[in-house]
PDB file of N, CA and C in Angstrom:
ATOM      1  N   MET A   1     -30.777-147.514 -60.993  1.00  0.00           N
ATOM      2  CA  MET A   1     -29.824-147.832 -59.962  1.00  0.00           C
ATOM      3  C   MET A   1     -30.241-149.065 -59.178  1.00  0.00           C
ATOM      4  N   LEU A   2     -31.541-149.306 -59.121  1.00  0.00           N
ATOM      5  CA  LEU A   2     -32.022-150.485 -58.409  1.00  0.00           C
ATOM      6  C   LEU A   2     -31.501-151.757 -59.064  1.00  0.00           C
ATOM      7  N   SER A   3     -31.508-151.785 -60.390  1.00  0.00           N
ATOM      8  CA  SER A   3     -31.016-152.984 -61.078  1.00  0.00           C
ATOM      9  C   SER A   3     -29.532-153.205 -60.785  1.00  0.00           C
ATOM     10  N   ALA A   4     -28.765-152.144 -60.669  1.00  0.00           N
ATOM     11  CA  ALA A   4     -27.342-152.268 -60.337  1.00  0.00           C
ATOM     12  C   ALA A   4     -27.168-152.817 -58.930  1.00  0.00           C
ATOM     13  N   THR A   5     -27.997-152.366 -58.013  1.00  0.00           N
ATOM     14  CA  THR A   5     -27.928-152.855 -56.637  1.00  0.00           C
ATOM     15  C   THR A   5     -28.256-154.339 -56.576  1.00  0.00           C
ATOM     16  N   ILE A   6     -29.294-154.738 -57.295  1.00  0.00           N
ATOM     17  CA  ILE A   6     -29.673-156.152 -57.321  1.00  0.00           C
ATOM     18  C   ILE A   6     -28.566-156.987 -57.952  1.00  0.00           C
ATOM     19  N   ALA A   7     -28.036-156.525 -59.074  1.00  0.00           N
ATOM     20  CA  ALA A   7     -26.952-157.259 -59.742  1.00  0.00           C
ATOM     21  C   ALA A   7     -25.734-157.382 -58.830  1.00  0.00           C
ATOM     22  N   TYR A   8     -25.402-156.309 -58.152  1.00  0.00           N
ATOM     23  CA  TYR A   8     -24.253-156.321 -57.237  1.00  0.00           C
ATOM     24  C   TYR A   8     -24.466-157.339 -56.119  1.00  0.00           C
ATOM     25  N   GLN A   9     -25.658-157.344 -55.537  1.00  0.00           N
ATOM     26  CA  GLN A   9     -25.948-158.275 -54.445  1.00  0.00           C
ATOM     27  C   GLN A   9     -25.883-159.726 -54.910  1.00  0.00           C
ATOM     28  N   ILE A  10     -26.387-159.995 -56.105  1.00  0.00           N
ATOM     29  CA  ILE A  10     -26.333-161.355 -56.646  1.00  0.00           C
ATOM     30  C   ILE A  10     -24.883-161.772 -56.893  1.00  0.00           C
ATOM     31  N   LEU A  11     -24.112-160.881 -57.496  1.00  0.00           N
ATOM     32  CA  LEU A  11     -22.702-161.192 -57.734  1.00  0.00           C
ATOM     33  C   LEU A  11     -21.957-161.393 -56.426  1.00  0.00           C
ATOM     34  N   GLN A  12     -22.271-160.608 -55.445  1.00  0.00           N
ATOM     35  CA  GLN A  12     -21.622-160.723 -54.143  1.00  0.00           C
ATOM     36  C   GLN A  12     -21.867-162.109 -53.530  1.00  0.00           C
ATOM     37  N   GLN A  13     -23.056-162.646 -53.735  1.00  0.00           N
ATOM     38  CA  GLN A  13     -23.396-163.949 -53.181  1.00  0.00           C
ATOM     39  C   GLN A  13     -22.892-165.101 -54.048  1.00  0.00           C
ATOM     40  N   GLU A  14     -23.023-164.959 -55.361  1.00  0.00           N
ATOM     41  CA  GLU A  14     -22.763-166.086 -56.249  1.00  0.00           C
ATOM     42  C   GLU A  14     -21.372-166.101 -56.885  1.00  0.00           C
ATOM     43  N   ASP A  15     -20.769-164.939 -57.072  1.00  0.00           N
ATOM     44  CA  ASP A  15     -19.474-164.882 -57.749  1.00  0.00           C
ATOM     45  C   ASP A  15     -18.740-163.592 -57.372  1.00  0.00           C
ATOM     46  N   PRO A  16     -18.298-163.490 -56.138  1.00  0.00           N
ATOM     47  CA  PRO A  16     -17.686-162.239 -55.670  1.00  0.00           C
ATOM     48  C   PRO A  16     -16.473-161.780 -56.491  1.00  0.00           C
ATOM     49  N   GLN A  17     -15.745-162.730 -57.089  1.00  0.00           N
ATOM     50  CA  GLN A  17     -14.573-162.355 -57.883  1.00  0.00           C
ATOM     51  C   GLN A  17     -14.963-161.546 -59.121  1.00  0.00           C
ATOM     52  N   SER A  18     -16.161-161.765 -59.604  1.00  0.00           N
ATOM     53  CA  SER A  18     -16.589-161.033 -60.803  1.00  0.00           C
ATOM     54  C   SER A  18     -16.784-159.544 -60.522  1.00  0.00           C
ATOM     55  N   ILE A  19     -17.020-159.185 -59.286  1.00  0.00           N
ATOM     56  CA  ILE A  19     -17.156-157.762 -58.939  1.00  0.00           C
ATOM     57  C   ILE A  19     -15.861-157.029 -59.268  1.00  0.00           C
ATOM     58  N   ASP A  20     -14.734-157.636 -58.940  1.00  0.00           N
ATOM     59  CA  ASP A  20     -13.447-157.003 -59.259  1.00  0.00           C
ATOM     60  C   ASP A  20     -13.242-156.878 -60.763  1.00  0.00           C
ATOM     61  N   LYS A  21     -13.708-157.867 -61.517  1.00  0.00           N
ATOM     62  CA  LYS A  21     -13.581-157.809 -62.977  1.00  0.00           C
ATOM     63  C   LYS A  21     -14.433-156.683 -63.554  1.00  0.00           C
ATOM     64  N   VAL A  22     -15.665-156.567 -63.075  1.00  0.00           N
ATOM     65  CA  VAL A  22     -16.546-155.496 -63.549  1.00  0.00           C
ATOM     66  C   VAL A  22     -15.979-154.145 -63.131  1.00  0.00           C
ATOM     67  N   LYS A  23     -15.504-154.065 -61.910  1.00  0.00           N
ATOM     68  CA  LYS A  23     -14.917-152.815 -61.414  1.00  0.00           C
ATOM     69  C   LYS A  23     -13.734-152.390 -62.291  1.00  0.00           C
ATOM     70  N   ALA A  24     -12.896-153.344 -62.694  1.00  0.00           N
ATOM     71  CA  ALA A  24     -11.747-153.031 -63.547  1.00  0.00           C
ATOM     72  C   ALA A  24     -12.196-152.459 -64.892  1.00  0.00           C
ATOM     73  N   VAL A  25     -13.266-152.988 -65.429  1.00  0.00           N
ATOM     74  CA  VAL A  25     -13.797-152.479 -66.693  1.00  0.00           C
ATOM     75  C   VAL A  25     -14.356-151.076 -66.493  1.00  0.00           C
ATOM     76  N   LEU A  26     -15.111-150.885 -65.421  1.00  0.00           N
ATOM     77  CA  LEU A  26     -15.710-149.574 -65.158  1.00  0.00           C
ATOM     78  C   LEU A  26     -14.646-148.510 -64.902  1.00  0.00           C
ATOM     79  N   GLU A  27     -13.537-148.886 -64.307  1.00  0.00           N
ATOM     80  CA  GLU A  27     -12.468-147.925 -64.044  1.00  0.00           C
ATOM     81  C   GLU A  27     -11.795-147.448 -65.336  1.00  0.00           C
ATOM     82  N   LYS A  28     -12.009-148.151 -66.439  1.00  0.00           N
ATOM     83  CA  LYS A  28     -11.477-147.734 -67.739  1.00  0.00           C
ATOM     84  C   LYS A  28     -12.447-146.823 -68.492  1.00  0.00           C
ATOM     85  N   HIS A  29     -13.658-146.721 -67.997  1.00  0.00           N
ATOM     86  CA  HIS A  29     -14.672-145.891 -68.648  1.00  0.00           C
ATOM     87  C   HIS A  29     -14.268-144.423 -68.514  1.00  0.00           C
ATOM     88  N   PRO A  30     -14.465-143.613 -69.564  1.00  0.00           N
ATOM     89  CA  PRO A  30     -14.084-142.188 -69.497  1.00  0.00           C
ATOM     90  C   PRO A  30     -14.740-141.432 -68.334  1.00  0.00           C
ATOM     91  N   TRP A  31     -15.935-141.804 -67.965  1.00  0.00           N
ATOM     92  CA  TRP A  31     -16.609-141.094 -66.871  1.00  0.00           C
ATOM     93  C   TRP A  31     -16.016-141.421 -65.508  1.00  0.00           C
ATOM     94  N   TYR A  32     -15.266-142.516 -65.422  1.00  0.00           N
ATOM     95  CA  TYR A  32     -14.678-142.871 -64.122  1.00  0.00           C
ATOM     96  C   TYR A  32     -13.737-141.764 -63.664  1.00  0.00           C
ATOM     97  N   ALA A  33     -12.814-141.384 -64.523  1.00  0.00           N
ATOM     98  CA  ALA A  33     -11.805-140.390 -64.145  1.00  0.00           C
ATOM     99  C   ALA A  33     -12.383-138.998 -63.947  1.00  0.00           C
ATOM    100  N   ASN A  34     -13.379-138.630 -64.764  1.00  0.00           N
ATOM    101  CA  ASN A  34     -13.846-137.248 -64.680  1.00  0.00           C
ATOM    102  C   ASN A  34     -15.170-137.063 -63.938  1.00  0.00           C
ATOM    103  N   GLN A  35     -15.779-138.142 -63.431  1.00  0.00           N
ATOM    104  CA  GLN A  35     -17.019-137.976 -62.671  1.00  0.00           C
ATOM    105  C   GLN A  35     -17.105-138.931 -61.481  1.00  0.00           C
ATOM    106  N   TRP A  36     -17.093-140.218 -61.789  1.00  0.00           N
ATOM    107  CA  TRP A  36     -17.380-141.217 -60.757  1.00  0.00           C
ATOM    108  C   TRP A  36     -16.342-141.254 -59.646  1.00  0.00           C
ATOM    109  N   GLN A  37     -15.075-141.183 -59.998  1.00  0.00           N
ATOM    110  CA  GLN A  37     -14.013-141.318 -59.005  1.00  0.00           C
ATOM    111  C   GLN A  37     -14.119-140.245 -57.920  1.00  0.00           C
ATOM    112  N   ALA A  38     -14.376-139.028 -58.306  1.00  0.00           N
ATOM    113  CA  ALA A  38     -14.501-137.941 -57.329  1.00  0.00           C
ATOM    114  C   ALA A  38     -15.684-138.171 -56.393  1.00  0.00           C
ATOM    115  N   ARG A  39     -16.794-138.646 -56.948  1.00  0.00           N
ATOM    116  CA  ARG A  39     -17.973-138.913 -56.117  1.00  0.00           C
ATOM    117  C   ARG A  39     -17.718-140.039 -55.124  1.00  0.00           C
ATOM    118  N   LEU A  40     -16.922-141.005 -55.530  1.00  0.00           N
ATOM    119  CA  LEU A  40     -16.646-142.150 -54.661  1.00  0.00           C
ATOM    120  C   LEU A  40     -15.846-141.768 -53.430  1.00  0.00           C
ATOM    121  N   GLN A  41     -15.126-140.661 -53.487  1.00  0.00           N
ATOM    122  CA  GLN A  41     -14.322-140.235 -52.344  1.00  0.00           C
ATOM    123  C   GLN A  41     -15.184-139.910 -51.128  1.00  0.00           C
ATOM    124  N   ASP A  42     -16.443-139.545 -51.376  1.00  0.00           N
ATOM    125  CA  ASP A  42     -17.357-139.195 -50.285  1.00  0.00           C
ATOM    126  C   ASP A  42     -18.122-140.395 -49.742  1.00  0.00           C
ATOM    127  N   VAL A  43     -17.869-141.570 -50.303  1.00  0.00           N
ATOM    128  CA  VAL A  43     -18.596-142.786 -49.939  1.00  0.00           C
ATOM    129  C   VAL A  43     -17.709-143.645 -49.044  1.00  0.00           C
ATOM    130  N   PRO A  44     -18.276-144.248 -47.996  1.00  0.00           N
ATOM    131  CA  PRO A  44     -17.467-145.153 -47.167  1.00  0.00           C
ATOM    132  C   PRO A  44     -16.824-146.246 -48.028  1.00  0.00           C
ATOM    133  N   VAL A  45     -15.600-146.603 -47.715  1.00  0.00           N
ATOM    134  CA  VAL A  45     -14.838-147.568 -48.505  1.00  0.00           C
ATOM    135  C   VAL A  45     -15.627-148.861 -48.721  1.00  0.00           C
ATOM    136  N   ALA A  46     -16.328-149.321 -47.722  1.00  0.00           N
ATOM    137  CA  ALA A  46     -17.080-150.574 -47.815  1.00  0.00           C
ATOM    138  C   ALA A  46     -18.195-150.516 -48.856  1.00  0.00           C
ATOM    139  N   ASP A  47     -18.650-149.316 -49.199  1.00  0.00           N
ATOM    140  CA  ASP A  47     -19.774-149.158 -50.131  1.00  0.00           C
ATOM    141  C   ASP A  47     -19.352-148.695 -51.523  1.00  0.00           C
ATOM    142  N   ARG A  48     -18.089-148.448 -51.744  1.00  0.00           N
ATOM    143  CA  ARG A  48     -17.643-147.839 -52.999  1.00  0.00           C
ATOM    144  C   ARG A  48     -17.922-148.700 -54.223  1.00  0.00           C
ATOM    145  N   ASP A  49     -17.715-150.005 -54.129  1.00  0.00           N
ATOM    146  CA  ASP A  49     -17.970-150.856 -55.295  1.00  0.00           C
ATOM    147  C   ASP A  49     -19.449-150.814 -55.678  1.00  0.00           C
ATOM    148  N   LEU A  50     -20.318-150.902 -54.695  1.00  0.00           N
ATOM    149  CA  LEU A  50     -21.756-150.838 -54.951  1.00  0.00           C
ATOM    150  C   LEU A  50     -22.128-149.502 -55.578  1.00  0.00           C
ATOM    151  N   VAL A  51     -21.621-148.423 -55.045  1.00  0.00           N
ATOM    152  CA  VAL A  51     -21.945-147.095 -55.572  1.00  0.00           C
ATOM    153  C   VAL A  51     -21.400-146.929 -56.991  1.00  0.00           C
ATOM    154  N   LEU A  52     -20.243-147.509 -57.276  1.00  0.00           N
ATOM    155  CA  LEU A  52     -19.711-147.465 -58.634  1.00  0.00           C
ATOM    156  C   LEU A  52     -20.660-148.168 -59.598  1.00  0.00           C
ATOM    157  N   PHE A  53     -21.167-149.340 -59.206  1.00  0.00           N
ATOM    158  CA  PHE A  53     -22.155-150.044 -60.024  1.00  0.00           C
ATOM    159  C   PHE A  53     -23.370-149.149 -60.261  1.00  0.00           C
ATOM    160  N   MET A  54     -23.822-148.484 -59.213  1.00  0.00           N
ATOM    161  CA  MET A  54     -25.006-147.630 -59.315  1.00  0.00           C
ATOM    162  C   MET A  54     -24.758-146.446 -60.248  1.00  0.00           C
ATOM    163  N   GLN A  55     -23.590-145.842 -60.138  1.00  0.00           N
ATOM    164  CA  GLN A  55     -23.264-144.711 -61.016  1.00  0.00           C
ATOM    165  C   GLN A  55     -23.215-145.150 -62.472  1.00  0.00           C
ATOM    166  N   ALA A  56     -22.626-146.308 -62.714  1.00  0.00           N
ATOM    167  CA  ALA A  56     -22.539-146.817 -64.083  1.00  0.00           C
ATOM    168  C   ALA A  56     -23.925-147.113 -64.640  1.00  0.00           C
ATOM    169  N   ALA A  57     -24.809-147.611 -63.801  1.00  0.00           N
ATOM    170  CA  ALA A  57     -26.170-147.927 -64.253  1.00  0.00           C
ATOM    171  C   ALA A  57     -26.952-146.665 -64.593  1.00  0.00           C
ATOM    172  N   SER A  58     -26.643-145.568 -63.926  1.00  0.00           N
ATOM    173  CA  SER A  58     -27.371-144.329 -64.204  1.00  0.00           C
ATOM    174  C   SER A  58     -26.787-143.593 -65.401  1.00  0.00           C
ATOM    175  N   GLY A  59     -25.658-144.041 -65.923  1.00  0.00           N
ATOM    176  CA  GLY A  59     -25.006-143.394 -67.061  1.00  0.00           C
ATOM    177  C   GLY A  59     -25.883-143.235 -68.284  1.00  0.00           C
ATOM    178  N   PRO A  60     -26.578-144.297 -68.730  1.00  0.00           N
ATOM    179  CA  PRO A  60     -27.419-144.139 -69.923  1.00  0.00           C
ATOM    180  C   PRO A  60     -28.511-143.083 -69.754  1.00  0.00           C
ATOM    181  N   THR A  61     -29.069-142.983 -68.585  1.00  0.00           N
ATOM    182  CA  THR A  61     -30.091-141.965 -68.332  1.00  0.00           C
ATOM    183  C   THR A  61     -29.463-140.579 -68.368  1.00  0.00           C
ATOM    184  N   THR A  62     -28.304-140.445 -67.764  1.00  0.00           N
ATOM    185  CA  THR A  62     -27.602-139.163 -67.774  1.00  0.00           C
ATOM    186  C   THR A  62     -27.302-138.737 -69.197  1.00  0.00           C
ATOM    187  N   PHE A  63     -26.840-139.684 -70.012  1.00  0.00           N
ATOM    188  CA  PHE A  63     -26.553-139.377 -71.414  1.00  0.00           C
ATOM    189  C   PHE A  63     -27.828-138.979 -72.143  1.00  0.00           C
ATOM    190  N   ALA A  64     -28.884-139.742 -71.937  1.00  0.00           N
ATOM    191  CA  ALA A  64     -30.145-139.471 -72.639  1.00  0.00           C
ATOM    192  C   ALA A  64     -30.671-138.086 -72.303  1.00  0.00           C
ATOM    193  N   LEU A  65     -30.554-137.693 -71.052  1.00  0.00           N
ATOM    194  CA  LEU A  65     -31.073-136.392 -70.654  1.00  0.00           C
ATOM    195  C   LEU A  65     -30.234-135.245 -71.211  1.00  0.00           C
ATOM    196  N   GLY A  66     -29.023-135.554 -71.675  1.00  0.00           N
ATOM    197  CA  GLY A  66     -28.154-134.527 -72.227  1.00  0.00           C
ATOM    198  C   GLY A  66     -28.411-134.221 -73.692  1.00  0.00           C
ATOM    199  N   THR A  67     -29.333-134.938 -74.333  1.00  0.00           N
ATOM    200  CA  THR A  67     -29.632-134.697 -75.737  1.00  0.00           C
ATOM    201  C   THR A  67     -31.127-134.506 -75.915  1.00  0.00           C
ATOM    202  N   LYS A  68     -31.507-133.749 -76.925  1.00  0.00           N
ATOM    203  CA  LYS A  68     -32.928-133.509 -77.167  1.00  0.00           C
ATOM    204  C   LYS A  68     -33.640-134.808 -77.530  1.00  0.00           C
ATOM    205  N   GLU A  69     -33.031-135.634 -78.383  1.00  0.00           N
ATOM    206  CA  GLU A  69     -33.657-136.906 -78.765  1.00  0.00           C
ATOM    207  C   GLU A  69     -33.747-137.837 -77.560  1.00  0.00           C
ATOM    208  N   GLY A  70     -32.698-137.880 -76.762  1.00  0.00           N
ATOM    209  CA  GLY A  70     -32.725-138.703 -75.564  1.00  0.00           C
ATOM    210  C   GLY A  70     -33.789-138.235 -74.590  1.00  0.00           C
ATOM    211  N   MET A  71     -33.912-136.917 -74.471  1.00  0.00           N
ATOM    212  CA  MET A  71     -34.931-136.345 -73.588  1.00  0.00           C
ATOM    213  C   MET A  71     -36.323-136.725 -74.053  1.00  0.00           C
ATOM    214  N   LYS A  72     -36.560-136.704 -75.365  1.00  0.00           N
ATOM    215  CA  LYS A  72     -37.857-137.107 -75.894  1.00  0.00           C
ATOM    216  C   LYS A  72     -38.148-138.557 -75.530  1.00  0.00           C
ATOM    217  N   SER A  73     -37.142-139.412 -75.616  1.00  0.00           N
ATOM    218  CA  SER A  73     -37.325-140.820 -75.261  1.00  0.00           C
ATOM    219  C   SER A  73     -37.690-140.977 -73.802  1.00  0.00           C
ATOM    220  N   VAL A  74     -36.981-140.257 -72.936  1.00  0.00           N
ATOM    221  CA  VAL A  74     -37.272-140.341 -71.504  1.00  0.00           C
ATOM    222  C   VAL A  74     -38.676-139.822 -71.224  1.00  0.00           C
ATOM    223  N   MET A  75     -39.053-138.723 -71.851  1.00  0.00           N
ATOM    224  CA  MET A  75     -40.396-138.165 -71.657  1.00  0.00           C
ATOM    225  C   MET A  75     -41.466-139.137 -72.142  1.00  0.00           C
ATOM    226  N   PHE A  76     -41.200-139.812 -73.254  1.00  0.00           N
ATOM    227  CA  PHE A  76     -42.169-140.782 -73.778  1.00  0.00           C
ATOM    228  C   PHE A  76     -42.359-141.906 -72.779  1.00  0.00           C
ATOM    229  N   ILE A  77     -41.255-142.421 -72.264  1.00  0.00           N
ATOM    230  CA  ILE A  77     -41.313-143.546 -71.335  1.00  0.00           C
ATOM    231  C   ILE A  77     -42.019-143.152 -70.049  1.00  0.00           C
ATOM    232  N   THR A  78     -41.768-141.945 -69.547  1.00  0.00           N
ATOM    233  CA  THR A  78     -42.336-141.532 -68.273  1.00  0.00           C
ATOM    234  C   THR A  78     -43.712-140.876 -68.416  1.00  0.00           C
ATOM    235  N   GLY A  79     -44.153-140.672 -69.663  1.00  0.00           N
ATOM    236  CA  GLY A  79     -45.456-140.048 -69.864  1.00  0.00           C
ATOM    237  C   GLY A  79     -45.441-138.539 -69.790  1.00  0.00           C
ATOM    238  N   GLY A  80     -44.255-137.962 -69.783  1.00  0.00           N
ATOM    239  CA  GLY A  80     -44.137-136.501 -69.749  1.00  0.00           C
ATOM    240  C   GLY A  80     -44.266-135.915 -71.133  1.00  0.00           C
ATOM    241  N   SER A  81     -43.995-134.637 -71.251  1.00  0.00           N
ATOM    242  CA  SER A  81     -44.055-134.004 -72.560  1.00  0.00           C
ATOM    243  C   SER A  81     -42.839-133.109 -72.722  1.00  0.00           C
ATOM    244  N   LEU A  82     -42.493-132.874 -73.973  1.00  0.00           N
ATOM    245  CA  LEU A  82     -41.379-132.016 -74.300  1.00  0.00           C
ATOM    246  C   LEU A  82     -41.836-131.064 -75.383  1.00  0.00           C
ATOM    247  N   ASN A  83     -41.935-129.803 -75.063  1.00  0.00           N
ATOM    248  CA  ASN A  83     -42.378-128.821 -76.051  1.00  0.00           C
ATOM    249  C   ASN A  83     -41.247-128.528 -77.005  1.00  0.00           C
ATOM    250  N   SER A  84     -41.507-128.745 -78.291  1.00  0.00           N
ATOM    251  CA  SER A  84     -40.479-128.423 -79.294  1.00  0.00           C
ATOM    252  C   SER A  84     -41.122-127.952 -80.571  1.00  0.00           C
TER     253      SER A  84
END
């Protein structure tokens, strides 16, 4: 999520119009309608675009943790273990 925050801040300073373009793409993602959109309702309007970026950035980790192979990858990277 940190990388999403940094990317958002850079875009905000250097190319604010691109935030709307990225947001439009993210709103077409299947997780937008069934996960992200509901979470955004609890976020102040001024912060919603940033939080959307953050949610999208955490998507690959969420997916990885949902599968045994993905979990093994995360455990390898973090130095954890997975008994199997």
